[in-house]
C-alpha cells in the first residue's frame, strides 16, 4: 500500500468560535476513527500558526535562519493526516471525507519512500 499526505489548509486568523469548532472536531474524530478501523490511518498532527515557524535555507555555503513562514499567504498548512491507500482514488475518497468533516480544503499527495527527492 502507498502512503498519502492529506494536507489541511486553513485560513489565517483566529480559529472559529467553540460553537462552530466543536461539531467540526467531532466530525473529524469520526473520520479518524473510520480510517483507523479500515487500517488506513497512519498518523496525524496539527501545526502551530505559521508565525511560529523557523525557516532554514542555504545561501553561499551558509545556512541562514528566518523567523516566520516561508511563504506569505491567506491560507497555511494547519495540519495533516498520513494514510495508507491502495491507490490515488482510495486516497481521494478519504480526502473527500476529511473535507466534508472539517469544511476546509484538503490536498492529497503521495509520499515518496526510498526515492530521490531531486
N, C-alpha and C. Protein backbone atom coordinates (compact mmCIF):
# COMPACT_ATOMS: atom_id res chain seq x y z
N UNK A 1 0.84 -1.19 0.00
CA UNK A 1 0.00 0.00 0.00
C UNK A 1 0.88 1.24 0.00
N UNK A 2 0.44 2.23 -0.72
CA UNK A 2 1.14 3.51 -0.74
C UNK A 2 0.67 4.36 0.44
N UNK A 3 1.47 5.36 0.76
CA UNK A 3 1.05 6.33 1.78
C UNK A 3 0.80 7.67 1.11
N UNK A 4 -0.17 8.38 1.65
CA UNK A 4 -0.57 9.68 1.12
C UNK A 4 -0.67 10.68 2.27
N UNK A 5 -0.31 11.92 1.97
CA UNK A 5 -0.48 13.02 2.91
C UNK A 5 -1.77 13.73 2.56
N UNK A 6 -2.63 13.89 3.54
CA UNK A 6 -3.83 14.70 3.40
C UNK A 6 -3.55 16.00 4.14
N UNK A 7 -3.16 17.03 3.39
CA UNK A 7 -2.81 18.32 3.98
C UNK A 7 -4.05 19.17 4.17
N UNK A 8 -4.19 19.74 5.35
CA UNK A 8 -5.36 20.55 5.70
C UNK A 8 -4.98 22.02 5.62
N UNK A 9 -5.59 22.75 4.71
CA UNK A 9 -5.30 24.17 4.56
C UNK A 9 -6.37 24.98 5.27
N UNK A 10 -5.92 25.90 6.11
CA UNK A 10 -6.87 26.71 6.86
C UNK A 10 -6.55 28.18 6.65
N UNK A 11 -7.57 29.03 6.77
CA UNK A 11 -7.34 30.46 6.60
C UNK A 11 -6.52 31.03 7.75
N UNK A 12 -5.75 32.06 7.47
CA UNK A 12 -5.04 32.77 8.52
C UNK A 12 -6.05 33.43 9.45
N UNK A 13 -5.64 33.66 10.65
CA UNK A 13 -6.51 34.34 11.62
C UNK A 13 -6.90 33.42 12.76
N UNK A 14 -7.78 33.94 13.58
CA UNK A 14 -8.23 33.21 14.76
C UNK A 14 -9.07 32.00 14.37
N UNK A 15 -9.04 30.96 15.21
CA UNK A 15 -9.90 29.80 14.94
C UNK A 15 -11.36 30.20 15.13
N UNK A 16 -12.27 29.40 14.58
CA UNK A 16 -13.69 29.71 14.75
C UNK A 16 -14.10 29.57 16.22
N UNK A 17 -15.22 30.18 16.58
CA UNK A 17 -15.70 30.08 17.97
C UNK A 17 -16.07 28.64 18.30
N UNK A 18 -16.10 28.32 19.61
CA UNK A 18 -16.36 26.93 20.04
C UNK A 18 -17.63 26.32 19.45
N UNK A 19 -18.69 27.10 19.31
CA UNK A 19 -19.94 26.54 18.78
C UNK A 19 -19.80 26.09 17.33
N UNK A 20 -18.82 26.62 16.61
CA UNK A 20 -18.54 26.19 15.24
C UNK A 20 -17.49 25.08 15.25
N UNK A 21 -16.47 25.23 16.08
CA UNK A 21 -15.35 24.31 16.08
C UNK A 21 -15.69 22.94 16.69
N UNK A 22 -16.50 22.90 17.73
CA UNK A 22 -16.79 21.64 18.41
C UNK A 22 -17.43 20.59 17.49
N UNK A 23 -18.46 20.94 16.70
CA UNK A 23 -19.01 19.91 15.81
C UNK A 23 -18.01 19.48 14.74
N UNK A 24 -17.16 20.38 14.28
CA UNK A 24 -16.13 20.03 13.30
C UNK A 24 -15.17 19.02 13.91
N UNK A 25 -14.73 19.26 15.14
CA UNK A 25 -13.80 18.34 15.80
C UNK A 25 -14.45 16.97 16.03
N UNK A 26 -15.74 16.94 16.34
CA UNK A 26 -16.45 15.66 16.49
C UNK A 26 -16.46 14.91 15.16
N UNK A 27 -16.77 15.64 14.08
CA UNK A 27 -16.80 15.00 12.76
C UNK A 27 -15.41 14.53 12.35
N UNK A 28 -14.39 15.31 12.67
CA UNK A 28 -13.01 14.92 12.37
C UNK A 28 -12.65 13.64 13.11
N UNK A 29 -12.99 13.54 14.37
CA UNK A 29 -12.68 12.33 15.14
C UNK A 29 -13.42 11.13 14.58
N UNK A 30 -14.64 11.33 14.08
CA UNK A 30 -15.39 10.23 13.48
C UNK A 30 -14.68 9.73 12.22
N UNK A 31 -14.18 10.64 11.38
CA UNK A 31 -13.45 10.23 10.18
C UNK A 31 -12.15 9.54 10.57
N UNK A 32 -11.44 10.08 11.56
CA UNK A 32 -10.20 9.44 12.02
C UNK A 32 -10.48 8.03 12.53
N UNK A 33 -11.57 7.85 13.26
CA UNK A 33 -11.93 6.52 13.77
C UNK A 33 -12.24 5.58 12.61
N UNK A 34 -12.94 6.08 11.60
CA UNK A 34 -13.25 5.26 10.42
C UNK A 34 -11.95 4.85 9.71
N UNK A 35 -11.00 5.79 9.59
CA UNK A 35 -9.72 5.48 8.97
C UNK A 35 -8.97 4.40 9.76
N UNK A 36 -8.99 4.53 11.09
CA UNK A 36 -8.31 3.54 11.93
C UNK A 36 -8.93 2.15 11.75
N UNK A 37 -10.26 2.09 11.78
CA UNK A 37 -10.97 0.82 11.63
C UNK A 37 -10.68 0.18 10.28
N UNK A 38 -10.50 1.00 9.24
CA UNK A 38 -10.22 0.49 7.89
C UNK A 38 -8.74 0.17 7.69
N UNK A 39 -7.90 0.50 8.67
CA UNK A 39 -6.47 0.26 8.54
C UNK A 39 -5.77 1.28 7.67
N UNK A 40 -6.42 2.40 7.39
CA UNK A 40 -5.84 3.43 6.52
C UNK A 40 -5.03 4.46 7.31
N UNK A 41 -5.41 4.73 8.56
CA UNK A 41 -4.79 5.80 9.34
C UNK A 41 -3.38 5.42 9.76
N UNK A 42 -2.40 6.30 9.51
CA UNK A 42 -1.03 6.09 9.95
C UNK A 42 -0.73 7.02 11.11
N UNK A 43 -0.85 8.32 10.90
CA UNK A 43 -0.73 9.30 11.98
C UNK A 43 -1.24 10.64 11.48
N UNK A 44 -1.47 11.54 12.42
CA UNK A 44 -1.98 12.87 12.09
C UNK A 44 -1.40 13.87 13.07
N UNK A 45 -1.42 15.12 12.70
CA UNK A 45 -0.93 16.16 13.60
C UNK A 45 -1.44 17.53 13.19
N UNK A 46 -1.60 18.36 14.17
CA UNK A 46 -1.93 19.76 13.92
C UNK A 46 -0.68 20.59 14.09
N UNK A 47 -0.64 21.72 13.42
CA UNK A 47 0.53 22.59 13.47
C UNK A 47 0.19 23.91 14.15
N UNK A 48 1.19 24.48 14.81
CA UNK A 48 1.02 25.83 15.34
C UNK A 48 0.97 26.80 14.16
N UNK A 49 0.52 28.04 14.37
CA UNK A 49 0.42 29.02 13.28
C UNK A 49 1.76 29.25 12.59
N UNK A 50 1.72 29.71 11.32
CA UNK A 50 2.94 29.90 10.55
C UNK A 50 3.94 30.87 11.20
N UNK A 51 3.47 31.79 12.01
CA UNK A 51 4.37 32.72 12.68
C UNK A 51 5.32 32.05 13.65
N UNK A 52 5.04 30.80 14.02
CA UNK A 52 5.93 30.07 14.92
C UNK A 52 7.02 29.32 14.17
N UNK A 53 6.97 29.35 12.84
CA UNK A 53 7.93 28.60 12.02
C UNK A 53 9.30 29.27 12.03
N UNK A 54 10.31 28.45 11.85
CA UNK A 54 11.67 28.90 11.60
C UNK A 54 12.11 28.24 10.30
N UNK A 55 12.54 29.06 9.35
CA UNK A 55 12.93 28.56 8.04
C UNK A 55 14.45 28.59 7.93
N UNK A 56 15.02 27.47 7.54
CA UNK A 56 16.46 27.36 7.32
C UNK A 56 16.70 27.22 5.82
N UNK A 57 17.61 28.04 5.29
CA UNK A 57 17.91 27.91 3.85
C UNK A 57 19.40 28.17 3.61
N UNK A 58 19.90 27.47 2.60
CA UNK A 58 21.32 27.55 2.26
C UNK A 58 21.55 28.71 1.32
N UNK A 59 22.54 29.54 1.66
CA UNK A 59 22.93 30.65 0.80
C UNK A 59 24.44 30.81 0.89
N UNK A 60 25.13 30.60 -0.22
CA UNK A 60 26.60 30.73 -0.27
C UNK A 60 27.28 29.88 0.81
N UNK A 61 26.94 28.62 0.90
CA UNK A 61 27.52 27.66 1.86
C UNK A 61 27.22 27.97 3.31
N UNK A 62 26.32 28.89 3.57
CA UNK A 62 25.92 29.21 4.94
C UNK A 62 24.43 28.95 5.08
N UNK A 63 24.04 28.33 6.18
CA UNK A 63 22.63 28.09 6.44
C UNK A 63 22.08 29.28 7.22
N UNK A 64 21.16 29.99 6.59
CA UNK A 64 20.55 31.17 7.20
C UNK A 64 19.22 30.78 7.84
N UNK A 65 18.85 31.51 8.87
CA UNK A 65 17.64 31.23 9.62
C UNK A 65 16.74 32.46 9.58
N UNK A 66 15.45 32.21 9.27
CA UNK A 66 14.47 33.29 9.22
C UNK A 66 13.27 32.89 10.06
N UNK A 67 12.77 33.79 10.88
CA UNK A 67 11.56 33.53 11.64
C UNK A 67 10.35 33.75 10.76
N UNK A 68 9.30 32.97 11.05
CA UNK A 68 8.04 33.15 10.34
C UNK A 68 7.89 32.21 9.17
N UNK A 69 6.79 32.35 8.48
CA UNK A 69 6.50 31.41 7.39
C UNK A 69 7.44 31.61 6.20
N UNK A 70 7.60 30.54 5.44
CA UNK A 70 8.42 30.58 4.24
C UNK A 70 7.71 31.38 3.15
N UNK A 71 6.41 31.22 3.07
CA UNK A 71 5.60 31.91 2.06
C UNK A 71 4.48 32.65 2.77
N UNK A 72 4.25 33.89 2.40
CA UNK A 72 3.12 34.65 2.93
C UNK A 72 1.89 34.31 2.09
N UNK A 73 0.77 34.13 2.74
CA UNK A 73 -0.46 33.82 2.01
C UNK A 73 -1.66 33.99 2.92
N UNK A 74 -2.83 33.80 2.34
CA UNK A 74 -4.06 33.92 3.11
C UNK A 74 -4.43 32.60 3.78
N UNK A 75 -3.79 31.52 3.34
CA UNK A 75 -4.02 30.20 3.93
C UNK A 75 -2.68 29.58 4.27
N UNK A 76 -2.71 28.62 5.16
CA UNK A 76 -1.49 27.92 5.53
C UNK A 76 -1.82 26.47 5.87
N UNK A 77 -0.78 25.63 5.84
CA UNK A 77 -0.95 24.25 6.23
C UNK A 77 -1.15 24.23 7.74
N UNK A 78 -2.32 23.80 8.17
CA UNK A 78 -2.65 23.82 9.59
C UNK A 78 -2.55 22.47 10.26
N UNK A 79 -2.52 21.43 9.44
CA UNK A 79 -2.44 20.08 9.98
C UNK A 79 -2.38 19.08 8.85
N UNK A 80 -2.27 17.82 9.20
CA UNK A 80 -2.15 16.80 8.17
C UNK A 80 -2.51 15.44 8.75
N UNK A 81 -2.83 14.54 7.85
CA UNK A 81 -3.03 13.14 8.19
C UNK A 81 -2.26 12.32 7.16
N UNK A 82 -1.56 11.32 7.60
CA UNK A 82 -0.90 10.39 6.69
C UNK A 82 -1.71 9.10 6.71
N UNK A 83 -2.05 8.63 5.51
CA UNK A 83 -2.86 7.42 5.39
C UNK A 83 -2.18 6.40 4.49
N UNK A 84 -2.66 5.16 4.57
CA UNK A 84 -2.31 4.10 3.64
C UNK A 84 -3.51 3.90 2.72
N UNK A 85 -3.25 3.78 1.43
CA UNK A 85 -4.33 3.52 0.48
C UNK A 85 -3.78 2.72 -0.69
N UNK A 86 -4.64 1.92 -1.29
CA UNK A 86 -4.23 1.10 -2.43
C UNK A 86 -3.84 1.94 -3.63
N UNK A 87 -4.52 3.07 -3.81
CA UNK A 87 -4.27 3.90 -4.99
C UNK A 87 -4.78 5.32 -4.73
N UNK A 88 -4.55 6.18 -5.71
CA UNK A 88 -4.95 7.58 -5.57
C UNK A 88 -6.45 7.73 -5.39
N UNK A 89 -7.24 6.94 -6.11
CA UNK A 89 -8.70 7.05 -5.97
C UNK A 89 -9.14 6.78 -4.54
N UNK A 90 -8.54 5.78 -3.90
CA UNK A 90 -8.88 5.48 -2.50
C UNK A 90 -8.45 6.62 -1.58
N UNK A 91 -7.26 7.17 -1.84
CA UNK A 91 -6.78 8.30 -1.03
C UNK A 91 -7.69 9.51 -1.21
N UNK A 92 -8.13 9.74 -2.44
CA UNK A 92 -9.03 10.88 -2.69
C UNK A 92 -10.37 10.71 -1.97
N UNK A 93 -10.84 9.48 -1.86
CA UNK A 93 -12.09 9.26 -1.14
C UNK A 93 -11.93 9.62 0.35
N UNK A 94 -10.79 9.24 0.95
CA UNK A 94 -10.53 9.65 2.33
C UNK A 94 -10.42 11.17 2.42
N UNK A 95 -9.77 11.79 1.42
CA UNK A 95 -9.67 13.25 1.39
C UNK A 95 -11.05 13.91 1.32
N UNK A 96 -11.95 13.33 0.54
CA UNK A 96 -13.32 13.87 0.46
C UNK A 96 -14.02 13.80 1.81
N UNK A 97 -13.87 12.67 2.49
CA UNK A 97 -14.50 12.51 3.81
C UNK A 97 -13.93 13.53 4.79
N UNK A 98 -12.62 13.73 4.72
CA UNK A 98 -11.99 14.70 5.61
C UNK A 98 -12.46 16.12 5.30
N UNK A 99 -12.56 16.45 4.01
CA UNK A 99 -13.03 17.79 3.61
C UNK A 99 -14.46 18.04 4.08
N UNK A 100 -15.30 17.01 3.98
CA UNK A 100 -16.69 17.16 4.46
C UNK A 100 -16.72 17.37 5.97
N UNK A 101 -15.85 16.67 6.68
CA UNK A 101 -15.85 16.75 8.15
C UNK A 101 -15.38 18.10 8.64
N UNK A 102 -14.30 18.62 8.05
CA UNK A 102 -13.72 19.85 8.61
C UNK A 102 -14.00 21.10 7.80
N UNK A 103 -14.62 20.94 6.63
CA UNK A 103 -15.06 22.05 5.78
C UNK A 103 -13.92 22.95 5.31
N UNK A 104 -12.71 22.39 5.20
CA UNK A 104 -11.55 23.13 4.71
C UNK A 104 -10.95 22.39 3.52
N UNK A 105 -10.16 23.08 2.70
CA UNK A 105 -9.51 22.42 1.57
C UNK A 105 -8.51 21.36 2.03
N UNK A 106 -8.49 20.25 1.31
CA UNK A 106 -7.59 19.14 1.59
C UNK A 106 -6.74 18.89 0.35
N UNK A 107 -5.43 18.84 0.53
CA UNK A 107 -4.52 18.50 -0.55
C UNK A 107 -4.07 17.06 -0.35
N UNK A 108 -4.25 16.23 -1.37
CA UNK A 108 -3.86 14.82 -1.31
C UNK A 108 -2.61 14.64 -2.16
N UNK A 109 -1.54 14.14 -1.52
CA UNK A 109 -0.26 13.94 -2.23
C UNK A 109 0.35 12.62 -1.81
N UNK A 110 0.86 11.85 -2.79
CA UNK A 110 1.55 10.61 -2.44
C UNK A 110 2.91 10.93 -1.78
N UNK A 111 3.29 10.06 -0.84
CA UNK A 111 4.60 10.18 -0.20
C UNK A 111 5.60 9.35 -0.98
N UNK A 112 6.82 9.84 -1.04
CA UNK A 112 7.91 9.09 -1.65
C UNK A 112 8.57 8.24 -0.58
N UNK A 113 8.87 7.03 -0.91
CA UNK A 113 9.58 6.14 0.01
C UNK A 113 10.77 5.56 -0.72
N UNK A 114 11.96 5.88 -0.26
CA UNK A 114 13.16 5.33 -0.83
C UNK A 114 13.51 5.88 -2.20
N UNK A 115 12.85 6.96 -2.61
CA UNK A 115 13.14 7.57 -3.90
C UNK A 115 13.92 8.85 -3.67
N UNK A 116 14.67 9.23 -4.65
CA UNK A 116 15.36 10.52 -4.61
C UNK A 116 14.33 11.63 -4.71
N UNK A 117 14.50 12.68 -3.93
CA UNK A 117 13.58 13.81 -3.98
C UNK A 117 14.01 14.84 -5.01
N UNK A 118 15.09 14.62 -5.70
CA UNK A 118 15.62 15.60 -6.63
C UNK A 118 15.09 15.51 -7.98
